[in-house]
Amino acid sequence: MNYLAHFHLACHAAGSDDPHPLVIGGLLGDFVKGPLRGEWRDWEAGIVLHRRIDALTDSHPEVIALLNTLPANYRRYGGIMLDVCFDYCLSQHWGNFHHTTLPHFCAQMYQRLEAEHPALPPKARQQAQRLQRYDVLGNMDNWQTVANMLARIGQRLRRDNPLDSSAAVLAERLPIIEQHFLRLYPELMDTVRQP
């Protein structure tokens, strides 16, 4: 799952649209590595939730089945590809999973990120600014956003990779990906609500 799903699942886990520490942890989960020792204040619960969601997703039979449908040269990057594509699927089916509109939800998430902006580590601060500046969360319902994100991720990776062409591979499989997503996501929602 990518940022839209992480923030949505953080809200769902907290039972609120304003689960401030969990949302910030949903962002920091991509930037804070290693053991947690209390230096991230009340955000650590959100970092733990982010890691839990990633682990559940990566090992889920629906995801493993999808990875096996990808051409061999894309499988190494399949987790990244599906994470971004799952945010697209979530945006397409947003009304099935959340009671407010996607634009309203995105505005709330950007407010949360902006409120904590000075305390974020530099790379997370830059990412939070990018998310808001380009309304990445709100634009996840546009396939071009998926293609652009995957290409940018590919440029940041050190080794050669096929991510710049991966959106086309996903688009060919989108109906199947959506079917798997619609079985996977409700299970994740149920799981994150459990202690």
Protein backbone atom coordinates (compact mmCIF):
# COMPACT_ATOMS: atom_id res chain seq x y z
CA MET A 1 0.00 0.00 0.00
CA ASN A 2 1.13 3.53 -0.70
CA TYR A 3 0.34 6.80 1.12
CA LEU A 4 -3.39 7.04 0.42
CA ALA A 5 -4.00 3.55 1.76
CA HIS A 6 -1.60 4.00 4.70
CA PHE A 7 -3.35 7.20 5.78
CA HIS A 8 -6.79 5.69 5.27
CA LEU A 9 -5.89 2.56 7.24
CA ALA A 10 -4.39 4.73 10.00
CA CYS A 11 -7.70 6.59 10.29
CA HIS A 12 -9.61 3.33 10.23
CA ALA A 13 -7.40 1.78 12.91
CA ALA A 14 -7.97 4.80 15.15
CA GLY A 15 -11.69 4.91 14.43
CA SER A 16 -11.37 8.60 13.56
CA ASP A 17 -10.67 10.93 10.66
CA ASP A 18 -8.15 12.73 12.84
CA PRO A 19 -5.78 10.04 14.19
CA HIS A 20 -2.89 12.50 14.20
CA PRO A 21 -0.07 10.24 15.53
CA LEU A 22 -1.04 7.30 13.33
CA VAL A 23 -1.21 9.43 10.18
CA ILE A 24 2.23 10.92 10.78
CA GLY A 25 3.55 7.43 11.46
CA GLY A 26 1.99 6.37 8.17
CA LEU A 27 4.31 8.83 6.45
CA LEU A 28 7.36 8.13 8.62
CA GLY A 29 7.13 4.39 8.04
CA ASP A 30 8.97 4.94 4.75
CA PHE A 31 11.71 7.03 6.34
CA VAL A 32 12.38 5.59 9.80
CA LYS A 33 14.30 2.34 9.69
CA GLY A 34 15.50 0.00 12.41
CA PRO A 35 14.32 -0.48 15.99
CA LEU A 36 12.07 2.11 17.60
CA ARG A 37 13.44 3.47 20.87
CA GLY A 38 11.07 6.29 21.74
CA GLU A 39 12.71 9.10 19.80
CA TRP A 40 9.65 9.47 17.54
CA ARG A 41 7.27 10.30 20.38
CA ASP A 42 3.68 9.22 19.90
CA TRP A 43 4.29 8.70 16.18
CA GLU A 44 5.87 5.33 16.84
CA ALA A 45 2.48 3.62 17.02
CA GLY A 46 1.85 4.84 13.47
CA ILE A 47 5.26 3.64 12.31
CA VAL A 48 4.53 0.24 13.81
CA LEU A 49 1.13 0.22 12.07
CA HIS A 50 2.78 1.17 8.76
CA ARG A 51 5.25 -1.71 9.10
CA ARG A 52 2.45 -4.09 10.05
CA ILE A 53 0.39 -3.11 6.99
CA ASP A 54 3.44 -3.59 4.74
CA ALA A 55 4.16 -7.02 6.22
CA LEU A 56 0.52 -8.14 5.94
CA THR A 57 0.30 -6.92 2.35
CA ASP A 58 3.60 -8.40 1.22
CA SER A 59 2.74 -11.85 2.57
CA HIS A 60 -0.96 -11.89 1.64
CA PRO A 61 -2.05 -14.64 -0.78
CA GLU A 62 -3.89 -12.09 -2.97
CA VAL A 63 -0.65 -10.14 -3.46
CA ILE A 64 1.46 -13.24 -4.02
CA ALA A 65 -1.02 -14.41 -6.66
CA LEU A 66 -0.79 -11.04 -8.41
CA LEU A 67 3.00 -11.02 -8.32
CA ASN A 68 2.98 -14.37 -10.09
CA THR A 69 1.03 -12.86 -13.00
CA LEU A 70 3.74 -10.29 -13.73
CA PRO A 71 6.40 -10.89 -16.38
CA ALA A 72 9.58 -12.26 -14.80
CA ASN A 73 11.62 -9.08 -15.28
CA TYR A 74 9.03 -7.06 -13.32
CA ARG A 75 8.54 -9.39 -10.35
CA ARG A 76 11.47 -8.01 -8.35
CA TYR A 77 9.71 -4.63 -8.45
CA GLY A 78 6.19 -6.03 -8.25
CA GLY A 79 5.67 -4.97 -4.64
CA ILE A 80 6.38 -1.34 -5.50
CA MET A 81 4.20 -1.55 -8.60
CA LEU A 82 1.26 -3.03 -6.72
CA ASP A 83 1.56 -0.61 -3.79
CA VAL A 84 1.07 2.34 -6.14
CA CYS A 85 -1.62 0.55 -8.14
CA PHE A 86 -3.52 -0.33 -4.95
CA ASP A 87 -3.79 3.38 -4.12
CA TYR A 88 -5.34 3.85 -7.57
CA CYS A 89 -7.79 1.01 -6.84
CA LEU A 90 -8.65 2.54 -3.48
CA SER A 91 -9.38 5.90 -5.09
CA GLN A 92 -11.62 4.20 -7.68
CA HIS A 93 -13.65 2.50 -4.93
CA TRP A 94 -13.29 5.19 -2.27
CA GLY A 95 -17.00 5.39 -1.49
CA ASN A 96 -17.01 1.71 -0.52
CA PHE A 97 -14.39 2.26 2.17
CA HIS A 98 -14.84 5.75 3.60
CA HIS A 99 -17.78 7.93 4.60
CA THR A 100 -16.38 11.30 3.41
CA THR A 101 -15.33 12.31 -0.08
CA LEU A 102 -11.79 11.74 -1.24
CA PRO A 103 -11.07 15.50 -1.60
CA HIS A 104 -12.27 16.12 1.97
CA PHE A 105 -10.14 13.27 3.31
CA CYS A 106 -7.08 14.50 1.40
CA ALA A 107 -7.49 18.03 2.75
CA GLN A 108 -7.58 16.64 6.30
CA MET A 109 -4.44 14.60 5.72
CA TYR A 110 -2.57 17.58 4.26
CA GLN A 111 -3.57 19.68 7.28
CA ARG A 112 -2.20 17.01 9.60
CA LEU A 113 1.09 16.81 7.72
CA GLU A 114 1.42 20.58 7.60
CA ALA A 115 0.79 20.92 11.34
CA GLU A 116 3.74 18.63 12.07
CA HIS A 117 5.94 19.82 9.23
CA PRO A 118 8.71 21.42 11.38
CA ALA A 119 9.19 18.27 13.47
CA LEU A 120 9.47 15.84 10.56
CA PRO A 121 12.87 14.56 9.45
CA PRO A 122 14.09 16.35 6.28
CA LYS A 123 13.26 13.63 3.73
CA ALA A 124 9.80 13.05 5.22
CA ARG A 125 9.24 16.83 5.25
CA GLN A 126 10.11 16.98 1.54
CA GLN A 127 7.77 14.09 0.77
CA ALA A 128 4.94 15.68 2.74
CA GLN A 129 5.44 18.90 0.75
CA ARG A 130 5.37 16.99 -2.55
CA LEU A 131 2.21 15.15 -1.57
CA GLN A 132 0.44 18.43 -0.85
CA ARG A 133 1.93 20.56 -3.63
CA TYR A 134 0.88 18.09 -6.32
CA ASP A 135 -2.21 16.78 -4.48
CA VAL A 136 -0.84 13.29 -4.96
CA LEU A 137 -3.48 11.71 -2.72
CA GLY A 138 -6.34 13.41 -4.54
CA ASN A 139 -4.90 12.60 -7.95
CA MET A 140 -4.51 8.88 -7.35
CA ASP A 141 -7.70 8.34 -9.35
CA ASN A 142 -5.78 9.42 -12.48
CA TRP A 143 -3.81 6.61 -14.14
CA GLN A 144 -1.19 9.08 -15.30
CA THR A 145 -0.38 9.74 -11.63
CA VAL A 146 0.36 6.03 -11.24
CA ALA A 147 2.64 6.05 -14.28
CA ASN A 148 4.43 9.20 -13.12
CA MET A 149 4.96 7.90 -9.60
CA LEU A 150 6.38 4.61 -10.79
CA ALA A 151 8.74 6.35 -13.20
CA ARG A 152 9.96 8.70 -10.44
CA ILE A 153 10.51 5.82 -8.03
CA GLY A 154 12.48 4.04 -10.75
CA GLN A 155 14.70 7.09 -11.21
CA ARG A 156 15.50 7.17 -7.49
CA LEU A 157 16.62 3.54 -7.38
CA ARG A 158 20.34 2.96 -7.85
CA ARG A 159 20.16 -0.04 -10.15
CA ASP A 160 18.57 -0.26 -13.57
CA ASN A 161 14.91 -1.20 -13.33
CA PRO A 162 11.80 -1.43 -15.52
CA LEU A 163 9.58 0.87 -13.43
CA ASP A 164 9.36 3.52 -16.16
CA SER A 165 7.41 1.03 -18.29
CA SER A 166 5.61 -0.77 -15.48
CA ALA A 167 2.36 1.23 -15.64
CA ALA A 168 1.58 -0.37 -19.01
CA VAL A 169 2.14 -3.83 -17.53
CA LEU A 170 -0.23 -2.99 -14.68
CA ALA A 171 -2.83 -1.45 -16.98
CA GLU A 172 -3.08 -4.71 -18.94
CA ARG A 173 -3.87 -6.51 -15.68
CA LEU A 174 -5.97 -3.83 -14.01
CA PRO A 175 -9.28 -5.76 -13.92
CA ILE A 176 -7.55 -8.70 -12.20
CA ILE A 177 -5.64 -6.40 -9.85
CA GLU A 178 -8.91 -4.70 -8.85
CA GLN A 179 -10.53 -8.05 -8.09
CA HIS A 180 -7.65 -9.03 -5.82
CA PHE A 181 -7.59 -5.58 -4.21
CA LEU A 182 -11.31 -5.73 -3.41
CA ARG A 183 -10.75 -8.99 -1.55
CA LEU A 184 -7.54 -7.84 0.13
CA TYR A 185 -8.44 -4.35 1.35
CA PRO A 186 -11.44 -5.23 3.54
CA GLU A 187 -9.29 -7.88 5.23
CA LEU A 188 -6.61 -5.26 5.94
CA MET A 189 -9.25 -2.93 7.35
CA ASP A 190 -10.52 -5.66 9.67
CA THR A 191 -7.00 -6.60 10.74
CA VAL A 192 -5.84 -3.06 11.60
CA ARG A 193 -8.87 -2.53 13.85
CA GLN A 194 -7.81 -5.50 15.95
CA PRO A 195 -5.34 -4.85 18.78
